[in-house]
C-alpha atoms as a PDB file:
ATOM      1  CA  MET A   1       0.000   0.000   0.000  1.00  0.00           C
ATOM      2  CA  CYS A   2       1.267   3.468  -0.581  1.00  0.00           C
ATOM      3  CA  LEU A   3      -0.099   5.149   2.527  1.00  0.00           C
ATOM      4  CA  ASP A   4       2.020   6.319   5.430  1.00  0.00           C
ATOM      5  CA  ALA A   5       0.856   7.156   8.909  1.00  0.00           C
ATOM      6  CA  ARG A   6       2.962  10.125   9.909  1.00  0.00           C
ATOM      7  CA  PRO A   7       3.000  11.148  13.601  1.00  0.00           C
ATOM      8  CA  SER A   8       1.645  14.603  12.772  1.00  0.00           C
ATOM      9  CA  SER A   9      -1.362  13.277  10.882  1.00  0.00           C
ATOM     10  CA  ASP A  10      -4.769  12.127  12.065  1.00  0.00           C
ATOM     11  CA  LEU A  11      -3.589   8.617  11.197  1.00  0.00           C
ATOM     12  CA  SER A  12      -0.796   8.586  13.791  1.00  0.00           C
ATOM     13  CA  GLY A  13      -2.046   5.426  15.516  1.00  0.00           C
ATOM     14  CA  ILE A  14      -2.424   3.487  12.285  1.00  0.00           C
ATOM     15  CA  ALA A  15       0.263   1.507  10.489  1.00  0.00           C
ATOM     16  CA  THR A  16       0.069   0.685   6.812  1.00  0.00           C
ATOM     17  CA  PHE A  17       2.701  -1.176   4.848  1.00  0.00           C
ATOM     18  CA  ARG A  18       3.916  -0.035   1.461  1.00  0.00           C
ATOM     19  CA  ARG A  19       3.187  -2.466  -1.299  1.00  0.00           C
ATOM     20  CA  GLU A  20       1.989  -2.518  -4.861  1.00  0.00           C
ATOM     21  CA  LEU A  21      -1.653  -2.525  -5.754  1.00  0.00           C
ATOM     22  CA  SER A  22      -2.948  -4.283  -8.820  1.00  0.00           C
ATOM     23  CA  VAL A  23      -4.393  -2.149 -11.587  1.00  0.00           C
ATOM     24  CA  HIS A  24      -7.811  -3.248 -10.291  1.00  0.00           C
ATOM     25  CA  GLY A  25      -7.122  -1.943  -6.766  1.00  0.00           C
ATOM     26  CA  ASN A  26      -6.424  -5.335  -5.182  1.00  0.00           C
ATOM     27  CA  VAL A  27      -3.954  -5.375  -2.284  1.00  0.00           C
ATOM     28  CA  ASN A  28      -1.099  -7.862  -2.793  1.00  0.00           C
ATOM     29  CA  ALA A  29       0.574  -9.950  -0.082  1.00  0.00           C
ATOM     30  CA  ILE A  30       3.630  -8.616   1.768  1.00  0.00           C
ATOM     31  CA  GLY A  31       6.706 -10.395   3.096  1.00  0.00           C
ATOM     32  CA  GLY A  32       8.066 -10.221   6.610  1.00  0.00           C
ATOM     33  CA  LEU A  33       4.732  -9.690   8.311  1.00  0.00           C
ATOM     34  CA  ALA A  34       5.997 -10.683  11.776  1.00  0.00           C
ATOM     35  CA  ASP A  35       8.793  -8.093  11.661  1.00  0.00           C
ATOM     36  CA  LYS A  36       6.450  -5.416  10.371  1.00  0.00           C
ATOM     37  CA  LEU A  37       3.854  -6.065  13.079  1.00  0.00           C
ATOM     38  CA  SER A  38       6.551  -6.062  15.775  1.00  0.00           C
ATOM     39  CA  ALA A  39       7.836  -2.719  14.513  1.00  0.00           C
ATOM     40  CA  ALA A  40       4.322  -1.275  14.410  1.00  0.00           C
ATOM     41  CA  ALA A  41       3.703  -2.282  18.039  1.00  0.00           C
ATOM     42  CA  ARG A  42       7.125  -0.981  19.109  1.00  0.00           C
ATOM     43  CA  HIS A  43       6.415   2.389  17.517  1.00  0.00           C
ATOM     44  CA  GLY A  44       3.065   2.821  19.234  1.00  0.00           C
ATOM     45  CA  ARG A  45       0.731   1.927  16.396  1.00  0.00           C
ATOM     46  CA  ARG A  46      -2.637   0.604  17.561  1.00  0.00           C
ATOM     47  CA  VAL A  47      -4.364  -0.254  14.289  1.00  0.00           C
ATOM     48  CA  VAL A  48      -2.707  -2.122  11.434  1.00  0.00           C
ATOM     49  CA  VAL A  49      -4.038  -2.691   7.927  1.00  0.00           C
ATOM     50  CA  ILE A  50      -2.602  -5.799   6.242  1.00  0.00           C
ATOM     51  CA  PRO A  51      -3.304  -7.635   2.981  1.00  0.00           C
ATOM     52  CA  ALA A  52      -5.981 -10.318   3.410  1.00  0.00           C
ATOM     53  CA  GLU A  53      -3.603 -12.831   1.788  1.00  0.00           C
ATOM     54  CA  ASN A  54      -1.388 -12.497   4.877  1.00  0.00           C
ATOM     55  CA  ALA A  55      -4.218 -13.114   7.378  1.00  0.00           C
ATOM     56  CA  THR A  56      -3.386 -16.835   7.554  1.00  0.00           C
ATOM     57  CA  GLU A  57      -0.072 -15.898   9.224  1.00  0.00           C
ATOM     58  CA  LEU A  58      -1.832 -14.259  12.185  1.00  0.00           C
ATOM     59  CA  GLY A  59      -2.425 -17.582  13.962  1.00  0.00           C
ATOM     60  CA  ARG A  60       1.282 -18.020  14.608  1.00  0.00           C
ATOM     61  CA  LEU A  61       1.724 -14.367  15.546  1.00  0.00           C
ATOM     62  CA  ALA A  62      -0.779 -14.268  18.411  1.00  0.00           C
ATOM     63  CA  GLU A  63       1.650 -12.620  20.852  1.00  0.00           C
ATOM     64  CA  ILE A  64       2.150  -9.662  18.525  1.00  0.00           C
ATOM     65  CA  GLY A  65      -1.424  -9.648  17.262  1.00  0.00           C
ATOM     66  CA  ASN A  66      -2.845  -9.275  20.770  1.00  0.00           C
ATOM     67  CA  LYS A  67      -1.181  -5.853  21.053  1.00  0.00           C
ATOM     68  CA  LEU A  68      -2.693  -4.551  17.820  1.00  0.00           C
ATOM     69  CA  GLU A  69      -6.067  -4.169  16.143  1.00  0.00           C
ATOM     70  CA  ILE A  70      -5.396  -5.855  12.798  1.00  0.00           C
ATOM     71  CA  HIS A  71      -7.608  -5.384   9.731  1.00  0.00           C
ATOM     72  CA  PRO A  72      -6.990  -7.633   6.710  1.00  0.00           C
ATOM     73  CA  VAL A  73      -8.159  -5.999   3.459  1.00  0.00           C
ATOM     74  CA  ARG A  74      -8.485  -7.245  -0.117  1.00  0.00           C
ATOM     75  CA  THR A  75      -8.884  -3.928  -1.910  1.00  0.00           C
ATOM     76  CA  LEU A  76      -7.756  -0.340  -1.703  1.00  0.00           C
ATOM     77  CA  SER A  77     -11.391   0.618  -1.223  1.00  0.00           C
ATOM     78  CA  GLU A  78     -11.609  -1.527   1.939  1.00  0.00           C
ATOM     79  CA  ALA A  79      -8.418   0.028   3.284  1.00  0.00           C
ATOM     80  CA  MET A  80      -9.602   3.552   2.604  1.00  0.00           C
ATOM     81  CA  SER A  81     -12.936   2.944   4.323  1.00  0.00           C
ATOM     82  CA  LEU A  82     -10.997   1.937   7.461  1.00  0.00           C
ATOM     83  CA  LEU A  83      -8.567   4.837   7.283  1.00  0.00           C
ATOM     84  CA  LEU A  84     -10.853   7.705   6.372  1.00  0.00           C
ATOM     85  CA  VAL A  85     -13.722   8.927   8.516  1.00  0.00           C
ATOM     86  CA  ASP A  86     -16.624  10.939   7.203  1.00  0.00           C
ATOM     87  CA  GLU A  87     -16.462  14.422   8.766  1.00  0.00           C
ATOM     88  CA  ASP A  88     -20.135  14.157   9.768  1.00  0.00           C
ATOM     89  CA  GLU A  89     -19.411  10.963  11.727  1.00  0.00           C
ATOM     90  CA  ALA A  90     -16.097  12.018  13.262  1.00  0.00           C
ATOM     91  CA  GLU A  91     -15.868  12.514  17.005  1.00  0.00           C
ATOM     92  CA  VAL A  92     -14.160  15.737  17.984  1.00  0.00           C
ATOM     93  CA  ASP A  93     -12.576  16.439  21.386  1.00  0.00           C
ATOM     94  CA  TYR A  94     -12.137  20.108  22.210  1.00  0.00           C
END
């Protein structure tokens, strides 16, 4: 995926991993999922978006997975619906 969660953004608690998308918007599998999830947890990420193809690896990564809210997605559209909140539905703390 080509989204980054920068600390200064509204997405600061979300980790996304860079990877190619197909021309049809499908999210492809990534390598090194365990290392990426460990790094996300270490750097204070709470929510992680991963390719659905990698979801089968989560069973053996329970220790890491328990620290994170992990969302497997198949398409860019699914990822964007998790990452973006409609302004009318957003909660605002003043």
